[in-house]
Every structure is written in structure tokens, then in C-alpha cells.
Amino acid sequence: DKRTFPIRQSGSVFITVPYSRMNDEMRRIARLGGKIVRIHSL
């Protein structure tokens, strides 16, 4: 998984993932110390 996102200390990053990958992405964000502020369907 070589995707990189520019993350500033107080910035918000919007990541769009298919529903099937949502749990994996949530775990990855939590592992990186990120906080998920909103989840919505497209």
C-alpha cells in the first residue's frame, strides 16, 4: 500500500474508499494516529 497523503498536523484529509475497504482504512487511520471525523456514503 504505497499511497501517501499529505497530512498536516491540524489538517483534514479526505479519503474515499469503497465500502468493502472501509474497515481496513479505518484501522489504518487509527494506527497512524488519525481521527475519523465523518463517514458518509456517496
N, C-alpha and C. Protein backbone atom coordinates (compact mmCIF):
# COMPACT_ATOMS: atom_id res chain seq x y z
N ASP A 1 0.85 -1.19 0.00
CA ASP A 1 0.00 0.00 0.00
C ASP A 1 0.89 1.24 0.00
N LYS A 2 1.18 1.73 -1.16
CA LYS A 2 2.16 2.81 -1.29
C LYS A 2 1.51 4.18 -1.42
N ARG A 3 0.20 4.25 -1.23
CA ARG A 3 -0.45 5.56 -1.35
C ARG A 3 -0.03 6.45 -0.20
N THR A 4 0.29 7.68 -0.50
CA THR A 4 0.65 8.62 0.55
C THR A 4 -0.27 9.82 0.47
N PHE A 5 -0.61 10.35 1.61
CA PHE A 5 -1.47 11.51 1.67
C PHE A 5 -0.74 12.60 2.43
N PRO A 6 -0.81 13.82 1.92
CA PRO A 6 -0.19 14.92 2.67
C PRO A 6 -1.00 15.20 3.93
N ILE A 7 -0.38 15.02 5.07
CA ILE A 7 -1.10 15.22 6.32
C ILE A 7 -0.40 16.31 7.11
N ARG A 8 -1.11 17.41 7.33
CA ARG A 8 -0.56 18.45 8.19
C ARG A 8 -0.99 18.16 9.61
N GLN A 9 -0.32 18.79 10.55
CA GLN A 9 -0.57 18.46 11.95
C GLN A 9 -2.03 18.69 12.33
N SER A 10 -2.63 19.74 11.79
CA SER A 10 -4.01 20.03 12.17
C SER A 10 -4.93 19.91 10.97
N GLY A 11 -4.44 19.29 9.90
CA GLY A 11 -5.20 19.27 8.67
C GLY A 11 -6.22 18.16 8.63
N SER A 12 -7.12 18.28 7.68
CA SER A 12 -8.09 17.23 7.44
C SER A 12 -7.77 16.57 6.11
N VAL A 13 -7.85 15.27 6.09
CA VAL A 13 -7.59 14.53 4.87
C VAL A 13 -8.86 13.78 4.52
N PHE A 14 -9.28 13.93 3.28
CA PHE A 14 -10.49 13.24 2.85
C PHE A 14 -10.07 12.04 2.00
N ILE A 15 -10.48 10.88 2.45
CA ILE A 15 -10.12 9.66 1.74
C ILE A 15 -11.41 8.97 1.31
N THR A 16 -11.49 8.67 0.04
CA THR A 16 -12.67 7.97 -0.47
C THR A 16 -12.27 6.52 -0.75
N VAL A 17 -12.96 5.60 -0.11
CA VAL A 17 -12.67 4.19 -0.33
C VAL A 17 -13.98 3.46 -0.58
N PRO A 18 -13.91 2.36 -1.31
CA PRO A 18 -15.11 1.55 -1.49
C PRO A 18 -15.58 1.00 -0.14
N TYR A 19 -16.87 0.76 -0.05
CA TYR A 19 -17.44 0.29 1.21
C TYR A 19 -16.74 -0.96 1.71
N SER A 20 -16.32 -1.81 0.78
CA SER A 20 -15.70 -3.08 1.18
C SER A 20 -14.35 -2.87 1.85
N ARG A 21 -13.73 -1.71 1.64
CA ARG A 21 -12.41 -1.46 2.23
C ARG A 21 -12.47 -0.52 3.41
N MET A 22 -13.67 -0.14 3.82
CA MET A 22 -13.80 0.89 4.84
C MET A 22 -13.16 0.46 6.16
N ASN A 23 -13.42 -0.77 6.58
CA ASN A 23 -12.87 -1.22 7.86
C ASN A 23 -11.35 -1.23 7.84
N ASP A 24 -10.77 -1.69 6.74
CA ASP A 24 -9.31 -1.69 6.64
C ASP A 24 -8.77 -0.28 6.73
N GLU A 25 -9.42 0.64 6.05
CA GLU A 25 -8.93 2.01 6.03
C GLU A 25 -9.10 2.66 7.40
N MET A 26 -10.19 2.35 8.09
CA MET A 26 -10.40 2.90 9.44
C MET A 26 -9.32 2.42 10.39
N ARG A 27 -8.97 1.13 10.28
CA ARG A 27 -7.90 0.60 11.13
C ARG A 27 -6.57 1.28 10.81
N ARG A 28 -6.31 1.50 9.51
CA ARG A 28 -5.05 2.11 9.11
C ARG A 28 -4.96 3.54 9.64
N ILE A 29 -6.05 4.27 9.55
CA ILE A 29 -6.06 5.65 10.03
C ILE A 29 -5.83 5.68 11.54
N ALA A 30 -6.49 4.78 12.25
CA ALA A 30 -6.33 4.74 13.71
C ALA A 30 -4.89 4.38 14.07
N ARG A 31 -4.29 3.49 13.29
CA ARG A 31 -2.92 3.08 13.58
C ARG A 31 -1.95 4.23 13.35
N LEU A 32 -2.27 5.10 12.40
CA LEU A 32 -1.41 6.25 12.13
C LEU A 32 -1.67 7.38 13.10
N GLY A 33 -2.61 7.19 14.01
CA GLY A 33 -2.89 8.24 14.98
C GLY A 33 -3.88 9.26 14.48
N GLY A 34 -4.54 8.94 13.39
CA GLY A 34 -5.52 9.87 12.84
C GLY A 34 -6.86 9.75 13.53
N LYS A 35 -7.73 10.69 13.25
CA LYS A 35 -9.07 10.66 13.84
C LYS A 35 -10.08 10.75 12.71
N ILE A 36 -11.06 9.88 12.75
CA ILE A 36 -12.10 9.88 11.74
C ILE A 36 -13.23 10.79 12.24
N VAL A 37 -13.50 11.84 11.50
CA VAL A 37 -14.49 12.80 11.97
C VAL A 37 -15.83 12.61 11.29
N ARG A 38 -15.82 12.00 10.12
CA ARG A 38 -17.10 11.83 9.44
C ARG A 38 -17.01 10.71 8.43
N ILE A 39 -18.06 9.93 8.39
CA ILE A 39 -18.18 8.88 7.37
C ILE A 39 -19.53 9.07 6.71
N HIS A 40 -19.52 9.15 5.40
CA HIS A 40 -20.80 9.24 4.72
C HIS A 40 -20.74 8.48 3.42
N SER A 41 -21.90 8.03 2.97
CA SER A 41 -21.96 7.27 1.73
C SER A 41 -22.08 8.23 0.56
N LEU A 42 -21.57 7.79 -0.57
CA LEU A 42 -21.62 8.62 -1.77
C LEU A 42 -22.83 8.25 -2.61
